[in-house]
Amino acid sequence: MADAPAVTNYKNLNRTGLTDDEAKAFHAMFQRGGQVFFAICLLAHFLVWAWMPWYPAAG
């Protein structure tokens, strides 16, 4: 198993152990994951509503 590369400059790390660039990349991936999750949920709700509407049409 390969060892993780040694960090030579600890001043660039924040309290999470990530550099600012790594933290920004992680945050971008986290946001994209939330957007994909929301889109899947929205699609699932639309498909269920198309199959069996929970608010039937008036009249």
PDB file of N, CA and C in Angstrom:
ATOM      1  N   MET A   1       0.843  -1.163   0.000  1.00  0.00           N
ATOM      2  CA  MET A   1       0.000   0.000   0.000  1.00  0.00           C
ATOM      3  C   MET A   1       0.896   1.236   0.000  1.00  0.00           C
ATOM      4  N   ALA A   2       0.589   2.156  -0.871  1.00  0.00           N
ATOM      5  CA  ALA A   2       1.408   3.365  -0.983  1.00  0.00           C
ATOM      6  C   ALA A   2       1.051   4.336   0.134  1.00  0.00           C
ATOM      7  N   ASP A   3       2.063   4.971   0.667  1.00  0.00           N
ATOM      8  CA  ASP A   3       1.842   5.966   1.707  1.00  0.00           C
ATOM      9  C   ASP A   3       1.379   7.271   1.073  1.00  0.00           C
ATOM     10  N   ALA A   4       0.629   8.025   1.847  1.00  0.00           N
ATOM     11  CA  ALA A   4       0.182   9.330   1.378  1.00  0.00           C
ATOM     12  C   ALA A   4       1.389  10.254   1.253  1.00  0.00           C
ATOM     13  N   PRO A   5       1.359  11.144   0.282  1.00  0.00           N
ATOM     14  CA  PRO A   5       2.500  12.062   0.137  1.00  0.00           C
ATOM     15  C   PRO A   5       2.640  12.944   1.371  1.00  0.00           C
ATOM     16  N   ALA A   6       3.850  13.190   1.745  1.00  0.00           N
ATOM     17  CA  ALA A   6       4.113  14.011   2.923  1.00  0.00           C
ATOM     18  C   ALA A   6       3.814  15.472   2.619  1.00  0.00           C
ATOM     19  N   VAL A   7       3.185  16.122   3.548  1.00  0.00           N
ATOM     20  CA  VAL A   7       2.905  17.546   3.416  1.00  0.00           C
ATOM     21  C   VAL A   7       4.086  18.288   4.008  1.00  0.00           C
ATOM     22  N   THR A   8       4.706  19.106   3.217  1.00  0.00           N
ATOM     23  CA  THR A   8       5.904  19.792   3.692  1.00  0.00           C
ATOM     24  C   THR A   8       5.609  21.174   4.246  1.00  0.00           C
ATOM     25  N   ASN A   9       4.478  21.758   3.863  1.00  0.00           N
ATOM     26  CA  ASN A   9       4.163  23.100   4.331  1.00  0.00           C
ATOM     27  C   ASN A   9       2.817  23.058   5.052  1.00  0.00           C
ATOM     28  N   TYR A  10       2.850  22.982   6.369  1.00  0.00           N
ATOM     29  CA  TYR A  10       1.621  22.879   7.145  1.00  0.00           C
ATOM     30  C   TYR A  10       0.881  24.205   7.246  1.00  0.00           C
ATOM     31  N   LYS A  11       1.504  25.295   6.865  1.00  0.00           N
ATOM     32  CA  LYS A  11       0.849  26.595   6.942  1.00  0.00           C
ATOM     33  C   LYS A  11      -0.285  26.712   5.930  1.00  0.00           C
ATOM     34  N   ASN A  12      -0.239  25.922   4.860  1.00  0.00           N
ATOM     35  CA  ASN A  12      -1.279  25.996   3.831  1.00  0.00           C
ATOM     36  C   ASN A  12      -2.502  25.160   4.180  1.00  0.00           C
ATOM     37  N   LEU A  13      -2.454  24.411   5.285  1.00  0.00           N
ATOM     38  CA  LEU A  13      -3.579  23.566   5.661  1.00  0.00           C
ATOM     39  C   LEU A  13      -4.500  24.314   6.611  1.00  0.00           C
ATOM     40  N   ASN A  14      -5.795  24.055   6.482  1.00  0.00           N
ATOM     41  CA  ASN A  14      -6.724  24.616   7.449  1.00  0.00           C
ATOM     42  C   ASN A  14      -7.083  23.530   8.458  1.00  0.00           C
ATOM     43  N   ARG A  15      -8.076  23.749   9.297  1.00  0.00           N
ATOM     44  CA  ARG A  15      -8.354  22.811  10.387  1.00  0.00           C
ATOM     45  C   ARG A  15      -8.866  21.453   9.917  1.00  0.00           C
ATOM     46  N   THR A  16      -9.301  21.335   8.671  1.00  0.00           N
ATOM     47  CA  THR A  16      -9.752  20.045   8.153  1.00  0.00           C
ATOM     48  C   THR A  16      -8.604  19.198   7.634  1.00  0.00           C
ATOM     49  N   GLY A  17      -7.442  19.787   7.482  1.00  0.00           N
ATOM     50  CA  GLY A  17      -6.305  19.062   6.931  1.00  0.00           C
ATOM     51  C   GLY A  17      -6.215  19.177   5.423  1.00  0.00           C
ATOM     52  N   LEU A  18      -7.086  19.988   4.839  1.00  0.00           N
ATOM     53  CA  LEU A  18      -7.077  20.201   3.394  1.00  0.00           C
ATOM     54  C   LEU A  18      -6.504  21.580   3.087  1.00  0.00           C
ATOM     55  N   THR A  19      -5.927  21.686   1.923  1.00  0.00           N
ATOM     56  CA  THR A  19      -5.519  23.009   1.467  1.00  0.00           C
ATOM     57  C   THR A  19      -6.765  23.746   0.988  1.00  0.00           C
ATOM     58  N   ASP A  20      -6.643  25.030   0.750  1.00  0.00           N
ATOM     59  CA  ASP A  20      -7.796  25.795   0.277  1.00  0.00           C
ATOM     60  C   ASP A  20      -8.296  25.272  -1.069  1.00  0.00           C
ATOM     61  N   ASP A  21      -7.383  24.923  -1.968  1.00  0.00           N
ATOM     62  CA  ASP A  21      -7.786  24.397  -3.275  1.00  0.00           C
ATOM     63  C   ASP A  21      -8.497  23.056  -3.129  1.00  0.00           C
ATOM     64  N   GLU A  22      -7.997  22.183  -2.252  1.00  0.00           N
ATOM     65  CA  GLU A  22      -8.645  20.890  -2.028  1.00  0.00           C
ATOM     66  C   GLU A  22     -10.022  21.083  -1.403  1.00  0.00           C
ATOM     67  N   ALA A  23     -10.133  22.020  -0.472  1.00  0.00           N
ATOM     68  CA  ALA A  23     -11.418  22.291   0.165  1.00  0.00           C
ATOM     69  C   ALA A  23     -12.425  22.834  -0.851  1.00  0.00           C
ATOM     70  N   LYS A  24     -11.975  23.708  -1.748  1.00  0.00           N
ATOM     71  CA  LYS A  24     -12.868  24.245  -2.781  1.00  0.00           C
ATOM     72  C   LYS A  24     -13.314  23.147  -3.741  1.00  0.00           C
ATOM     73  N   ALA A  25     -12.401  22.242  -4.096  1.00  0.00           N
ATOM     74  CA  ALA A  25     -12.750  21.134  -4.987  1.00  0.00           C
ATOM     75  C   ALA A  25     -13.751  20.203  -4.308  1.00  0.00           C
ATOM     76  N   PHE A  26     -13.521  19.904  -3.033  1.00  0.00           N
ATOM     77  CA  PHE A  26     -14.451  19.050  -2.290  1.00  0.00           C
ATOM     78  C   PHE A  26     -15.818  19.713  -2.196  1.00  0.00           C
ATOM     79  N   HIS A  27     -15.844  21.003  -1.907  1.00  0.00           N
ATOM     80  CA  HIS A  27     -17.106  21.727  -1.794  1.00  0.00           C
ATOM     81  C   HIS A  27     -17.865  21.721  -3.118  1.00  0.00           C
ATOM     82  N   ALA A  28     -17.147  21.885  -4.218  1.00  0.00           N
ATOM     83  CA  ALA A  28     -17.790  21.859  -5.538  1.00  0.00           C
ATOM     84  C   ALA A  28     -18.402  20.486  -5.810  1.00  0.00           C
ATOM     85  N   MET A  29     -17.676  19.420  -5.466  1.00  0.00           N
ATOM     86  CA  MET A  29     -18.219  18.069  -5.659  1.00  0.00           C
ATOM     87  C   MET A  29     -19.417  17.833  -4.743  1.00  0.00           C
ATOM     88  N   PHE A  30     -19.347  18.332  -3.516  1.00  0.00           N
ATOM     89  CA  PHE A  30     -20.446  18.186  -2.564  1.00  0.00           C
ATOM     90  C   PHE A  30     -21.696  18.898  -3.078  1.00  0.00           C
ATOM     91  N   GLN A  31     -21.520  20.110  -3.601  1.00  0.00           N
ATOM     92  CA  GLN A  31     -22.645  20.848  -4.162  1.00  0.00           C
ATOM     93  C   GLN A  31     -23.235  20.117  -5.366  1.00  0.00           C
ATOM     94  N   ARG A  32     -22.378  19.611  -6.245  1.00  0.00           N
ATOM     95  CA  ARG A  32     -22.862  18.892  -7.430  1.00  0.00           C
ATOM     96  C   ARG A  32     -23.649  17.652  -7.006  1.00  0.00           C
ATOM     97  N   GLY A  33     -23.180  16.968  -5.988  1.00  0.00           N
ATOM     98  CA  GLY A  33     -23.902  15.802  -5.477  1.00  0.00           C
ATOM     99  C   GLY A  33     -25.280  16.177  -4.964  1.00  0.00           C
ATOM    100  N   GLY A  34     -25.385  17.304  -4.275  1.00  0.00           N
ATOM    101  CA  GLY A  34     -26.679  17.774  -3.798  1.00  0.00           C
ATOM    102  C   GLY A  34     -27.610  18.135  -4.938  1.00  0.00           C
ATOM    103  N   GLN A  35     -27.070  18.740  -5.972  1.00  0.00           N
ATOM    104  CA  GLN A  35     -27.882  19.103  -7.131  1.00  0.00           C
ATOM    105  C   GLN A  35     -28.390  17.862  -7.857  1.00  0.00           C
ATOM    106  N   VAL A  36     -27.538  16.870  -8.004  1.00  0.00           N
ATOM    107  CA  VAL A  36     -27.945  15.619  -8.657  1.00  0.00           C
ATOM    108  C   VAL A  36     -29.006  14.922  -7.815  1.00  0.00           C
ATOM    109  N   PHE A  37     -28.810  14.878  -6.496  1.00  0.00           N
ATOM    110  CA  PHE A  37     -29.788  14.267  -5.601  1.00  0.00           C
ATOM    111  C   PHE A  37     -31.135  14.971  -5.731  1.00  0.00           C
ATOM    112  N   PHE A  38     -31.127  16.301  -5.744  1.00  0.00           N
ATOM    113  CA  PHE A  38     -32.363  17.066  -5.876  1.00  0.00           C
ATOM    114  C   PHE A  38     -33.047  16.772  -7.207  1.00  0.00           C
ATOM    115  N   ALA A  39     -32.278  16.703  -8.283  1.00  0.00           N
ATOM    116  CA  ALA A  39     -32.852  16.430  -9.605  1.00  0.00           C
ATOM    117  C   ALA A  39     -33.493  15.045  -9.647  1.00  0.00           C
ATOM    118  N   ILE A  40     -32.840  14.057  -9.046  1.00  0.00           N
ATOM    119  CA  ILE A  40     -33.401  12.703  -9.015  1.00  0.00           C
ATOM    120  C   ILE A  40     -34.685  12.683  -8.197  1.00  0.00           C
ATOM    121  N   CYS A  41     -34.692  13.384  -7.067  1.00  0.00           N
ATOM    122  CA  CYS A  41     -35.902  13.451  -6.240  1.00  0.00           C
ATOM    123  C   CYS A  41     -37.042  14.134  -6.985  1.00  0.00           C
ATOM    124  N   LEU A  42     -36.730  15.217  -7.668  1.00  0.00           N
ATOM    125  CA  LEU A  42     -37.739  15.932  -8.437  1.00  0.00           C
ATOM    126  C   LEU A  42     -38.322  15.039  -9.531  1.00  0.00           C
ATOM    127  N   LEU A  43     -37.469  14.334 -10.236  1.00  0.00           N
ATOM    128  CA  LEU A  43     -37.931  13.420 -11.278  1.00  0.00           C
ATOM    129  C   LEU A  43     -38.787  12.305 -10.689  1.00  0.00           C
ATOM    130  N   ALA A  44     -38.361  11.739  -9.563  1.00  0.00           N
ATOM    131  CA  ALA A  44     -39.123  10.662  -8.931  1.00  0.00           C
ATOM    132  C   ALA A  44     -40.503  11.153  -8.501  1.00  0.00           C
ATOM    133  N   HIS A  45     -40.572  12.341  -7.918  1.00  0.00           N
ATOM    134  CA  HIS A  45     -41.865  12.866  -7.502  1.00  0.00           C
ATOM    135  C   HIS A  45     -42.764  13.136  -8.708  1.00  0.00           C
ATOM    136  N   PHE A  46     -42.208  13.666  -9.773  1.00  0.00           N
ATOM    137  CA  PHE A  46     -43.009  13.902 -10.975  1.00  0.00           C
ATOM    138  C   PHE A  46     -43.541  12.590 -11.538  1.00  0.00           C
ATOM    139  N   LEU A  47     -42.702  11.555 -11.591  1.00  0.00           N
ATOM    140  CA  LEU A  47     -43.142  10.270 -12.133  1.00  0.00           C
ATOM    141  C   LEU A  47     -44.231   9.638 -11.270  1.00  0.00           C
ATOM    142  N   VAL A  48     -44.108   9.729  -9.963  1.00  0.00           N
ATOM    143  CA  VAL A  48     -45.149   9.188  -9.082  1.00  0.00           C
ATOM    144  C   VAL A  48     -46.432   9.986  -9.248  1.00  0.00           C
ATOM    145  N   TRP A  49     -46.307  11.322  -9.343  1.00  0.00           N
ATOM    146  CA  TRP A  49     -47.501  12.138  -9.528  1.00  0.00           C
ATOM    147  C   TRP A  49     -48.173  11.834 -10.870  1.00  0.00           C
ATOM    148  N   ALA A  50     -47.393  11.592 -11.927  1.00  0.00           N
ATOM    149  CA  ALA A  50     -47.960  11.253 -13.236  1.00  0.00           C
ATOM    150  C   ALA A  50     -48.674   9.907 -13.180  1.00  0.00           C
ATOM    151  N   TRP A  51     -48.157   9.013 -12.351  1.00  0.00           N
ATOM    152  CA  TRP A  51     -48.760   7.684 -12.218  1.00  0.00           C
ATOM    153  C   TRP A  51     -50.018   7.738 -11.362  1.00  0.00           C
ATOM    154  N   MET A  52     -49.953   8.455 -10.233  1.00  0.00           N
ATOM    155  CA  MET A  52     -51.073   8.516  -9.308  1.00  0.00           C
ATOM    156  C   MET A  52     -51.073   9.892  -8.631  1.00  0.00           C
ATOM    157  N   PRO A  53     -51.771  10.865  -9.222  1.00  0.00           N
ATOM    158  CA  PRO A  53     -51.734  12.226  -8.673  1.00  0.00           C
ATOM    159  C   PRO A  53     -52.304  12.282  -7.255  1.00  0.00           C
ATOM    160  N   TRP A  54     -51.593  12.961  -6.382  1.00  0.00           N
ATOM    161  CA  TRP A  54     -52.089  13.081  -5.015  1.00  0.00           C
ATOM    162  C   TRP A  54     -52.972  14.303  -4.854  1.00  0.00           C
ATOM    163  N   TYR A  55     -52.973  15.208  -5.836  1.00  0.00           N
ATOM    164  CA  TYR A  55     -53.924  16.317  -5.893  1.00  0.00           C
ATOM    165  C   TYR A  55     -54.705  16.170  -7.193  1.00  0.00           C
ATOM    166  N   PRO A  56     -55.831  15.474  -7.145  1.00  0.00           N
ATOM    167  CA  PRO A  56     -56.582  15.277  -8.391  1.00  0.00           C
ATOM    168  C   PRO A  56     -57.143  16.597  -8.922  1.00  0.00           C
ATOM    169  N   ALA A  57     -57.411  16.607 -10.198  1.00  0.00           N
ATOM    170  CA  ALA A  57     -57.946  17.805 -10.851  1.00  0.00           C
ATOM    171  C   ALA A  57     -59.333  18.125 -10.294  1.00  0.00           C
ATOM    172  N   ALA A  58     -59.622  19.406 -10.156  1.00  0.00           N
ATOM    173  CA  ALA A  58     -60.926  19.829  -9.636  1.00  0.00           C
ATOM    174  C   ALA A  58     -62.003  19.571 -10.681  1.00  0.00           C
ATOM    175  N   GLY A  59     -63.169  19.193 -10.193  1.00  0.00           N
ATOM    176  CA  GLY A  59     -64.291  19.028 -11.094  1.00  0.00           C
ATOM    177  C   GLY A  59     -64.471  17.650 -11.452  1.00  0.00           C
TER     178      GLY A  59
END
